[in-house]
């Protein structure tokens, strides 16, 4: 019995790890749609999708398709960090991108809190878009 519990725990950890999470199946769809030849290309395609979702969310209120797409695209984007090479991961640009991703997560959580308040929603969407633009520049600066 103990071996079954241990085996189940190990399998669960592997399936729910950051690079292979099953919690957000729509994220996997976005990830597959954006999939490029490299992690960098995939990340840039997802950034374009996130920009479009932010623009869509600016025209909506409350819990909306734009915010839902953005949420899933963030989860898909997180997976791209597992696709960068060791040499790319060792760069300061990669570390900066990783930090920006954490900032975007915080901004998104605040955005979600204020999704029904038009003025605070707009402020957080603008901040999110500015950081996404910064993230694009940083991802583009990671050497091939």
Protein backbone atom coordinates (compact mmCIF):
# COMPACT_ATOMS: atom_id res chain seq x y z
CA UNK A 1 0.00 0.00 0.00
CA UNK A 2 2.81 2.44 0.88
CA UNK A 3 4.45 1.79 -2.49
CA UNK A 4 1.23 2.68 -4.30
CA UNK A 5 0.90 5.95 -2.41
CA UNK A 6 4.55 6.79 -3.06
CA UNK A 7 4.21 5.89 -6.76
CA UNK A 8 1.07 8.00 -7.06
CA UNK A 9 2.82 10.93 -5.39
CA UNK A 10 5.81 10.70 -7.73
CA UNK A 11 3.62 10.46 -10.84
CA UNK A 12 1.54 13.42 -9.63
CA UNK A 13 4.65 15.54 -9.11
CA UNK A 14 5.91 14.72 -12.59
CA UNK A 15 2.58 15.43 -14.27
CA UNK A 16 1.99 18.66 -12.39
CA UNK A 17 5.49 20.07 -12.69
CA UNK A 18 6.04 23.49 -14.19
CA UNK A 19 6.94 22.16 -17.64
CA UNK A 20 4.10 19.69 -17.92
CA UNK A 21 1.17 20.95 -15.88
CA UNK A 22 -2.21 19.47 -16.68
CA UNK A 23 -4.15 22.07 -14.68
CA UNK A 24 -4.75 24.31 -17.70
CA UNK A 25 -5.63 22.28 -20.79
CA UNK A 26 -6.40 25.45 -22.79
CA UNK A 27 -2.85 26.58 -22.05
CA UNK A 28 -1.60 23.48 -23.83
CA UNK A 29 -3.70 24.43 -26.87
CA UNK A 30 -2.16 27.92 -26.95
CA UNK A 31 1.29 26.43 -26.45
CA UNK A 32 0.84 24.04 -29.38
CA UNK A 33 -0.54 26.84 -31.55
CA UNK A 34 2.50 29.03 -30.80
CA UNK A 35 5.07 26.24 -31.01
CA UNK A 36 8.16 27.31 -32.92
CA UNK A 37 11.45 25.66 -33.75
CA UNK A 38 13.01 27.06 -30.57
CA UNK A 39 11.82 28.09 -27.14
CA UNK A 40 12.58 31.68 -28.08
CA UNK A 41 10.32 31.52 -31.15
CA UNK A 42 7.54 29.91 -29.11
CA UNK A 43 7.89 32.58 -26.42
CA UNK A 44 7.70 35.39 -28.98
CA UNK A 45 4.60 33.88 -30.60
CA UNK A 46 2.92 33.62 -27.19
CA UNK A 47 3.87 37.21 -26.41
CA UNK A 48 2.06 38.27 -29.60
CA UNK A 49 -0.97 36.29 -28.47
CA UNK A 50 -0.84 37.91 -25.02
CA UNK A 51 -0.68 41.38 -26.59
CA UNK A 52 -3.78 40.61 -28.65
CA UNK A 53 -5.59 39.28 -25.57
CA UNK A 54 -4.78 42.43 -23.60
CA UNK A 55 -6.16 44.57 -26.44
CA UNK A 56 -9.29 42.39 -26.48
CA UNK A 57 -9.66 42.61 -22.68
CA UNK A 58 -9.54 46.41 -22.92
CA UNK A 59 -12.86 46.31 -24.78
CA UNK A 60 -14.52 43.96 -22.29
CA UNK A 61 -15.67 44.04 -18.67
CA UNK A 62 -15.66 41.53 -15.85
CA UNK A 63 -14.65 37.95 -16.40
CA UNK A 64 -14.16 37.98 -20.14
CA UNK A 65 -12.81 35.85 -22.99
CA UNK A 66 -9.79 38.16 -23.32
CA UNK A 67 -8.83 37.69 -19.67
CA UNK A 68 -9.43 33.95 -19.89
CA UNK A 69 -7.20 33.69 -22.95
CA UNK A 70 -4.54 35.83 -21.30
CA UNK A 71 -4.60 33.62 -18.21
CA UNK A 72 -4.05 30.48 -20.27
CA UNK A 73 -1.41 32.15 -22.45
CA UNK A 74 0.55 33.03 -19.29
CA UNK A 75 0.57 29.37 -18.31
CA UNK A 76 1.67 28.40 -21.81
CA UNK A 77 4.37 31.08 -21.74
CA UNK A 78 5.75 29.75 -18.47
CA UNK A 79 6.34 26.41 -20.19
CA UNK A 80 8.61 28.05 -22.77
CA UNK A 81 11.25 28.68 -20.11
CA UNK A 82 11.89 24.92 -20.12
CA UNK A 83 12.80 25.04 -23.83
CA UNK A 84 15.70 27.46 -23.69
CA UNK A 85 19.14 25.92 -23.96
CA UNK A 86 21.53 25.80 -21.02
CA UNK A 87 23.67 28.54 -22.55
CA UNK A 88 20.60 30.75 -23.09
CA UNK A 89 19.41 30.08 -19.54
CA UNK A 90 22.76 31.24 -18.21
CA UNK A 91 22.39 34.75 -19.69
CA UNK A 92 21.33 37.83 -17.79
CA UNK A 93 18.65 38.44 -20.43
CA UNK A 94 17.05 35.09 -19.59
CA UNK A 95 17.10 35.95 -15.89
CA UNK A 96 15.53 39.31 -16.67
CA UNK A 97 12.81 37.59 -18.72
CA UNK A 98 12.15 35.21 -15.85
CA UNK A 99 11.81 38.13 -13.44
CA UNK A 100 9.50 39.99 -15.82
CA UNK A 101 7.36 36.86 -16.05
CA UNK A 102 7.00 36.92 -12.24
CA UNK A 103 6.05 40.61 -12.37
CA UNK A 104 3.45 39.88 -15.05
CA UNK A 105 1.95 37.20 -12.84
CA UNK A 106 1.59 39.70 -9.99
CA UNK A 107 0.05 42.34 -12.26
CA UNK A 108 -2.35 39.77 -13.69
CA UNK A 109 -3.49 38.73 -10.21
CA UNK A 110 -4.15 42.38 -9.36
CA UNK A 111 -5.97 42.80 -12.68
CA UNK A 112 -8.16 39.82 -11.86
CA UNK A 113 -9.00 41.37 -8.48
CA UNK A 114 -10.12 44.59 -10.20
CA UNK A 115 -11.70 43.02 -13.31
CA UNK A 116 -15.09 44.62 -12.54
CA UNK A 117 -13.72 48.11 -11.83
CA UNK A 118 -13.28 49.80 -15.24
CA UNK A 119 -10.67 52.37 -14.18
CA UNK A 120 -8.47 49.96 -12.19
CA UNK A 121 -8.89 47.31 -14.87
CA UNK A 122 -7.68 49.77 -17.52
CA UNK A 123 -4.68 50.83 -15.43
CA UNK A 124 -3.61 47.23 -14.86
CA UNK A 125 -4.13 46.31 -18.52
CA UNK A 126 -1.92 49.24 -19.56
CA UNK A 127 0.75 48.21 -17.05
CA UNK A 128 0.53 44.62 -18.23
CA UNK A 129 0.92 45.65 -21.86
CA UNK A 130 3.96 47.80 -21.07
CA UNK A 131 5.63 44.89 -19.27
CA UNK A 132 4.74 42.49 -22.10
CA UNK A 133 6.46 44.87 -24.55
CA UNK A 134 9.50 44.93 -22.27
CA UNK A 135 9.42 41.13 -22.09
CA UNK A 136 9.39 40.93 -25.90
CA UNK A 137 12.54 43.08 -26.10
CA UNK A 138 14.31 40.98 -23.49
CA UNK A 139 13.37 37.64 -25.11
CA UNK A 140 14.60 38.97 -28.46
CA UNK A 141 17.93 39.89 -26.85
CA UNK A 142 18.63 36.33 -25.68
CA UNK A 143 21.33 34.97 -27.98
CA UNK A 144 20.48 32.03 -30.25
